[in-house]
Amino acid sequence: MAMTLRLSKEDEHVLARLAKEDGTSRQAVIVRAIHEAAARREHEQRVADASARIRNRYAEVLERLGR
């Protein structure tokens, strides 16, 4: 799918620098950023879900420790 991405001058410079430093295209930098953002959100959700399960499972113990 073709797409137009409008960037500020500053963002364009950052994108170009990242591509140059990585030895890759600007498109590859953008695609990688999309995948990294999605993975980060998925990880944050898994951590939040696990935390909620643990808090529910050990609610009584946590309550006693908080006294």
PDB file of N, CA and C in Angstrom:
ATOM      1  N   MET A   1       0.844  -1.164   0.000  1.00  0.00           N
ATOM      2  CA  MET A   1       0.000   0.000   0.000  1.00  0.00           C
ATOM      3  C   MET A   1       0.898   1.238   0.000  1.00  0.00           C
ATOM      4  N   ALA A   2       0.648   2.118  -0.911  1.00  0.00           N
ATOM      5  CA  ALA A   2       1.392   3.373  -0.972  1.00  0.00           C
ATOM      6  C   ALA A   2       0.776   4.361   0.005  1.00  0.00           C
ATOM      7  N   MET A   3       1.631   5.239   0.520  1.00  0.00           N
ATOM      8  CA  MET A   3       1.160   6.179   1.524  1.00  0.00           C
ATOM      9  C   MET A   3       2.057   7.406   1.506  1.00  0.00           C
ATOM     10  N   THR A   4       1.469   8.547   1.795  1.00  0.00           N
ATOM     11  CA  THR A   4       2.241   9.779   1.912  1.00  0.00           C
ATOM     12  C   THR A   4       2.396  10.101   3.388  1.00  0.00           C
ATOM     13  N   LEU A   5       3.611  10.414   3.777  1.00  0.00           N
ATOM     14  CA  LEU A   5       3.895  10.752   5.172  1.00  0.00           C
ATOM     15  C   LEU A   5       4.418  12.180   5.209  1.00  0.00           C
ATOM     16  N   ARG A   6       3.716  13.032   5.883  1.00  0.00           N
ATOM     17  CA  ARG A   6       4.142  14.426   5.993  1.00  0.00           C
ATOM     18  C   ARG A   6       4.930  14.598   7.295  1.00  0.00           C
ATOM     19  N   LEU A   7       6.145  15.081   7.149  1.00  0.00           N
ATOM     20  CA  LEU A   7       7.022  15.265   8.300  1.00  0.00           C
ATOM     21  C   LEU A   7       7.479  16.709   8.378  1.00  0.00           C
ATOM     22  N   SER A   8       7.725  17.149   9.589  1.00  0.00           N
ATOM     23  CA  SER A   8       8.354  18.457   9.764  1.00  0.00           C
ATOM     24  C   SER A   8       9.807  18.337   9.306  1.00  0.00           C
ATOM     25  N   LYS A   9      10.435  19.469   9.109  1.00  0.00           N
ATOM     26  CA  LYS A   9      11.859  19.457   8.716  1.00  0.00           C
ATOM     27  C   LYS A   9      12.693  18.722   9.756  1.00  0.00           C
ATOM     28  N   GLU A  10      12.390  18.990  11.015  1.00  0.00           N
ATOM     29  CA  GLU A  10      13.146  18.342  12.096  1.00  0.00           C
ATOM     30  C   GLU A  10      12.964  16.826  12.060  1.00  0.00           C
ATOM     31  N   ASP A  11      11.716  16.378  11.893  1.00  0.00           N
ATOM     32  CA  ASP A  11      11.460  14.933  11.838  1.00  0.00           C
ATOM     33  C   ASP A  11      12.134  14.308  10.622  1.00  0.00           C
ATOM     34  N   GLU A  12      12.128  15.009   9.504  1.00  0.00           N
ATOM     35  CA  GLU A  12      12.791  14.514   8.296  1.00  0.00           C
ATOM     36  C   GLU A  12      14.287  14.350   8.542  1.00  0.00           C
ATOM     37  N   HIS A  13      14.902  15.304   9.234  1.00  0.00           N
ATOM     38  CA  HIS A  13      16.340  15.208   9.547  1.00  0.00           C
ATOM     39  C   HIS A  13      16.612  14.027  10.474  1.00  0.00           C
ATOM     40  N   VAL A  14      15.754  13.837  11.462  1.00  0.00           N
ATOM     41  CA  VAL A  14      15.924  12.705  12.383  1.00  0.00           C
ATOM     42  C   VAL A  14      15.787  11.386  11.625  1.00  0.00           C
ATOM     43  N   LEU A  15      14.780  11.297  10.784  1.00  0.00           N
ATOM     44  CA  LEU A  15      14.570  10.080   9.999  1.00  0.00           C
ATOM     45  C   LEU A  15      15.761   9.795   9.094  1.00  0.00           C
ATOM     46  N   ALA A  16      16.240  10.812   8.423  1.00  0.00           N
ATOM     47  CA  ALA A  16      17.401  10.639   7.542  1.00  0.00           C
ATOM     48  C   ALA A  16      18.638  10.202   8.329  1.00  0.00           C
ATOM     49  N   ARG A  17      18.825  10.794   9.499  1.00  0.00           N
ATOM     50  CA  ARG A  17      19.985  10.426  10.339  1.00  0.00           C
ATOM     51  C   ARG A  17      19.882   8.974  10.776  1.00  0.00           C
ATOM     52  N   LEU A  18      18.691   8.555  11.221  1.00  0.00           N
ATOM     53  CA  LEU A  18      18.515   7.168  11.650  1.00  0.00           C
ATOM     54  C   LEU A  18      18.781   6.198  10.503  1.00  0.00           C
ATOM     55  N   ALA A  19      18.275   6.520   9.338  1.00  0.00           N
ATOM     56  CA  ALA A  19      18.487   5.653   8.176  1.00  0.00           C
ATOM     57  C   ALA A  19      19.971   5.561   7.833  1.00  0.00           C
ATOM     58  N   LYS A  20      20.641   6.694   7.875  1.00  0.00           N
ATOM     59  CA  LYS A  20      22.071   6.699   7.563  1.00  0.00           C
ATOM     60  C   LYS A  20      22.854   5.896   8.598  1.00  0.00           C
ATOM     61  N   GLU A  21      22.554   6.120   9.887  1.00  0.00           N
ATOM     62  CA  GLU A  21      23.265   5.403  10.949  1.00  0.00           C
ATOM     63  C   GLU A  21      23.025   3.901  10.863  1.00  0.00           C
ATOM     64  N   ASP A  22      21.812   3.505  10.465  1.00  0.00           N
ATOM     65  CA  ASP A  22      21.480   2.083  10.373  1.00  0.00           C
ATOM     66  C   ASP A  22      21.865   1.476   9.031  1.00  0.00           C
ATOM     67  N   GLY A  23      22.249   2.323   8.088  1.00  0.00           N
ATOM     68  CA  GLY A  23      22.601   1.832   6.758  1.00  0.00           C
ATOM     69  C   GLY A  23      21.404   1.228   6.048  1.00  0.00           C
ATOM     70  N   THR A  24      20.256   1.853   6.221  1.00  0.00           N
ATOM     71  CA  THR A  24      19.023   1.335   5.639  1.00  0.00           C
ATOM     72  C   THR A  24      18.207   2.481   5.064  1.00  0.00           C
ATOM     73  N   SER A  25      17.067   2.163   4.511  1.00  0.00           N
ATOM     74  CA  SER A  25      16.218   3.194   3.912  1.00  0.00           C
ATOM     75  C   SER A  25      15.359   3.872   4.970  1.00  0.00           C
ATOM     76  N   ARG A  26      14.852   5.032   4.616  1.00  0.00           N
ATOM     77  CA  ARG A  26      13.932   5.731   5.519  1.00  0.00           C
ATOM     78  C   ARG A  26      12.671   4.902   5.714  1.00  0.00           C
ATOM     79  N   GLN A  27      12.220   4.249   4.658  1.00  0.00           N
ATOM     80  CA  GLN A  27      11.037   3.392   4.774  1.00  0.00           C
ATOM     81  C   GLN A  27      11.277   2.276   5.783  1.00  0.00           C
ATOM     82  N   ALA A  28      12.443   1.655   5.734  1.00  0.00           N
ATOM     83  CA  ALA A  28      12.753   0.571   6.671  1.00  0.00           C
ATOM     84  C   ALA A  28      12.764   1.079   8.112  1.00  0.00           C
ATOM     85  N   VAL A  29      13.263   2.297   8.318  1.00  0.00           N
ATOM     86  CA  VAL A  29      13.273   2.885   9.658  1.00  0.00           C
ATOM     87  C   VAL A  29      11.840   3.074  10.152  1.00  0.00           C
ATOM     88  N   ILE A  30      10.968   3.568   9.283  1.00  0.00           N
ATOM     89  CA  ILE A  30       9.572   3.796   9.661  1.00  0.00           C
ATOM     90  C   ILE A  30       8.867   2.477   9.961  1.00  0.00           C
ATOM     91  N   VAL A  31       9.055   1.476   9.112  1.00  0.00           N
ATOM     92  CA  VAL A  31       8.417   0.170   9.324  1.00  0.00           C
ATOM     93  C   VAL A  31       8.896  -0.435  10.644  1.00  0.00           C
ATOM     94  N   ARG A  32      10.212  -0.336  10.908  1.00  0.00           N
ATOM     95  CA  ARG A  32      10.749  -0.867  12.165  1.00  0.00           C
ATOM     96  C   ARG A  32      10.135  -0.147  13.358  1.00  0.00           C
ATOM     97  N   ALA A  33       9.986   1.172  13.267  1.00  0.00           N
ATOM     98  CA  ALA A  33       9.389   1.946  14.362  1.00  0.00           C
ATOM     99  C   ALA A  33       7.949   1.505  14.617  1.00  0.00           C
ATOM    100  N   ILE A  34       7.205   1.233  13.561  1.00  0.00           N
ATOM    101  CA  ILE A  34       5.826   0.754  13.708  1.00  0.00           C
ATOM    102  C   ILE A  34       5.811  -0.572  14.448  1.00  0.00           C
ATOM    103  N   HIS A  35       6.651  -1.493  14.027  1.00  0.00           N
ATOM    104  CA  HIS A  35       6.696  -2.816  14.663  1.00  0.00           C
ATOM    105  C   HIS A  35       7.156  -2.731  16.116  1.00  0.00           C
ATOM    106  N   GLU A  36       8.134  -1.877  16.383  1.00  0.00           N
ATOM    107  CA  GLU A  36       8.610  -1.718  17.761  1.00  0.00           C
ATOM    108  C   GLU A  36       7.527  -1.114  18.656  1.00  0.00           C
ATOM    109  N   ALA A  37       6.787  -0.151  18.138  1.00  0.00           N
ATOM    110  CA  ALA A  37       5.704   0.461  18.924  1.00  0.00           C
ATOM    111  C   ALA A  37       4.619  -0.563  19.220  1.00  0.00           C
ATOM    112  N   ALA A  38       4.271  -1.375  18.227  1.00  0.00           N
ATOM    113  CA  ALA A  38       3.248  -2.404  18.432  1.00  0.00           C
ATOM    114  C   ALA A  38       3.718  -3.437  19.451  1.00  0.00           C
ATOM    115  N   ALA A  39       4.966  -3.858  19.351  1.00  0.00           N
ATOM    116  CA  ALA A  39       5.508  -4.836  20.293  1.00  0.00           C
ATOM    117  C   ALA A  39       5.546  -4.269  21.708  1.00  0.00           C
ATOM    118  N   ARG A  40       5.905  -3.002  21.822  1.00  0.00           N
ATOM    119  CA  ARG A  40       5.960  -2.355  23.141  1.00  0.00           C
ATOM    120  C   ARG A  40       4.567  -2.308  23.770  1.00  0.00           C
ATOM    121  N   ARG A  41       3.560  -1.959  22.985  1.00  0.00           N
ATOM    122  CA  ARG A  41       2.183  -1.929  23.514  1.00  0.00           C
ATOM    123  C   ARG A  41       1.721  -3.311  23.936  1.00  0.00           C
ATOM    124  N   GLU A  42       2.024  -4.309  23.122  1.00  0.00           N
ATOM    125  CA  GLU A  42       1.644  -5.679  23.472  1.00  0.00           C
ATOM    126  C   GLU A  42       2.320  -6.114  24.768  1.00  0.00           C
ATOM    127  N   HIS A  43       3.598  -5.787  24.911  1.00  0.00           N
ATOM    128  CA  HIS A  43       4.337  -6.137  26.120  1.00  0.00           C
ATOM    129  C   HIS A  43       3.736  -5.430  27.338  1.00  0.00           C
ATOM    130  N   GLU A  44       3.456  -4.146  27.203  1.00  0.00           N
ATOM    131  CA  GLU A  44       2.870  -3.395  28.317  1.00  0.00           C
ATOM    132  C   GLU A  44       1.528  -3.996  28.732  1.00  0.00           C
ATOM    133  N   GLN A  45       0.737  -4.435  27.762  1.00  0.00           N
ATOM    134  CA  GLN A  45      -0.558  -5.038  28.082  1.00  0.00           C
ATOM    135  C   GLN A  45      -0.373  -6.382  28.785  1.00  0.00           C
ATOM    136  N   ARG A  46       0.590  -7.183  28.333  1.00  0.00           N
ATOM    137  CA  ARG A  46       0.855  -8.475  28.985  1.00  0.00           C
ATOM    138  C   ARG A  46       1.315  -8.264  30.431  1.00  0.00           C
ATOM    139  N   VAL A  47       2.164  -7.263  30.649  1.00  0.00           N
ATOM    140  CA  VAL A  47       2.640  -6.959  32.004  1.00  0.00           C
ATOM    141  C   VAL A  47       1.478  -6.504  32.879  1.00  0.00           C
ATOM    142  N   ALA A  48       0.628  -5.622  32.334  1.00  0.00           N
ATOM    143  CA  ALA A  48      -0.530  -5.143  33.103  1.00  0.00           C
ATOM    144  C   ALA A  48      -1.469  -6.298  33.442  1.00  0.00           C
ATOM    145  N   ASP A  49      -1.707  -7.185  32.496  1.00  0.00           N
ATOM    146  CA  ASP A  49      -2.576  -8.340  32.744  1.00  0.00           C
ATOM    147  C   ASP A  49      -1.982  -9.261  33.813  1.00  0.00           C
ATOM    148  N   ALA A  50      -0.686  -9.520  33.706  1.00  0.00           N
ATOM    149  CA  ALA A  50      -0.026 -10.385  34.685  1.00  0.00           C
ATOM    150  C   ALA A  50      -0.056  -9.751  36.070  1.00  0.00           C
ATOM    151  N   SER A  51       0.166  -8.458  36.128  1.00  0.00           N
ATOM    152  CA  SER A  51       0.138  -7.737  37.405  1.00  0.00           C
ATOM    153  C   SER A  51      -1.253  -7.830  38.043  1.00  0.00           C
ATOM    154  N   ALA A  52      -2.278  -7.658  37.238  1.00  0.00           N
ATOM    155  CA  ALA A  52      -3.653  -7.745  37.763  1.00  0.00           C
ATOM    156  C   ALA A  52      -3.938  -9.145  38.284  1.00  0.00           C
ATOM    157  N   ARG A  53      -3.489 -10.168  37.545  1.00  0.00           N
ATOM    158  CA  ARG A  53      -3.704 -11.550  38.009  1.00  0.00           C
ATOM    159  C   ARG A  53      -2.998 -11.799  39.335  1.00  0.00           C
ATOM    160  N   ILE A  54      -1.770 -11.325  39.458  1.00  0.00           N
ATOM    161  CA  ILE A  54      -1.000 -11.529  40.692  1.00  0.00           C
ATOM    162  C   ILE A  54      -1.637 -10.768  41.851  1.00  0.00           C
ATOM    163  N   ARG A  55      -2.054  -9.524  41.602  1.00  0.00           N
ATOM    164  CA  ARG A  55      -2.703  -8.749  42.671  1.00  0.00           C
ATOM    165  C   ARG A  55      -3.983  -9.430  43.129  1.00  0.00           C
ATOM    166  N   ASN A  56      -4.749  -9.973  42.201  1.00  0.00           N
ATOM    167  CA  ASN A  56      -5.973 -10.679  42.579  1.00  0.00           C
ATOM    168  C   ASN A  56      -5.657 -11.966  43.336  1.00  0.00           C
ATOM    169  N   ARG A  57      -4.681 -12.701  42.831  1.00  0.00           N
ATOM    170  CA  ARG A  57      -4.333 -13.984  43.444  1.00  0.00           C
ATOM    171  C   ARG A  57      -3.804 -13.816  44.865  1.00  0.00           C
ATOM    172  N   TYR A  58      -3.008 -12.784  45.084  1.00  0.00           N
ATOM    173  CA  TYR A  58      -2.363 -12.580  46.379  1.00  0.00           C
ATOM    174  C   TYR A  58      -2.929 -11.379  47.138  1.00  0.00           C
ATOM    175  N   ALA A  59      -4.163 -11.015  46.853  1.00  0.00           N
ATOM    176  CA  ALA A  59      -4.773  -9.841  47.480  1.00  0.00           C
ATOM    177  C   ALA A  59      -4.745  -9.935  48.997  1.00  0.00           C
ATOM    178  N   GLU A  60      -5.075 -11.097  49.535  1.00  0.00           N
ATOM    179  CA  GLU A  60      -5.117 -11.257  50.989  1.00  0.00           C
ATOM    180  C   GLU A  60      -3.720 -11.080  51.593  1.00  0.00           C
ATOM    181  N   VAL A  61      -2.738 -11.676  50.985  1.00  0.00           N
ATOM    182  CA  VAL A  61      -1.356 -11.564  51.484  1.00  0.00           C
ATOM    183  C   VAL A  61      -0.893 -10.108  51.395  1.00  0.00           C
ATOM    184  N   LEU A  62      -1.175  -9.477  50.271  1.00  0.00           N
ATOM    185  CA  LEU A  62      -0.770  -8.077  50.118  1.00  0.00           C
ATOM    186  C   LEU A  62      -1.449  -7.181  51.132  1.00  0.00           C
ATOM    187  N   GLU A  63      -2.695  -7.482  51.429  1.00  0.00           N
ATOM    188  CA  GLU A  63      -3.429  -6.698  52.433  1.00  0.00           C
ATOM    189  C   GLU A  63      -2.759  -6.864  53.809  1.00  0.00           C
ATOM    190  N   ARG A  64      -2.420  -8.087  54.156  1.00  0.00           N
ATOM    191  CA  ARG A  64      -1.774  -8.313  55.463  1.00  0.00           C
ATOM    192  C   ARG A  64      -0.400  -7.655  55.525  1.00  0.00           C
ATOM    193  N   LEU A  65       0.338  -7.685  54.433  1.00  0.00           N
ATOM    194  CA  LEU A  65       1.663  -7.060  54.418  1.00  0.00           C
ATOM    195  C   LEU A  65       1.548  -5.535  54.527  1.00  0.00           C
ATOM    196  N   GLY A  66       0.432  -4.978  54.063  1.00  0.00           N
ATOM    197  CA  GLY A  66       0.243  -3.542  54.098  1.00  0.00           C
ATOM    198  C   GLY A  66      -0.164  -3.016  55.450  1.00  0.00           C
ATOM    199  N   ARG A  67      -0.470  -3.893  56.377  1.00  0.00           N
ATOM    200  CA  ARG A  67      -0.894  -3.447  57.722  1.00  0.00           C
ATOM    201  C   ARG A  67       0.273  -2.983  58.542  1.00  0.00           C
TER     202      ARG A  67
END
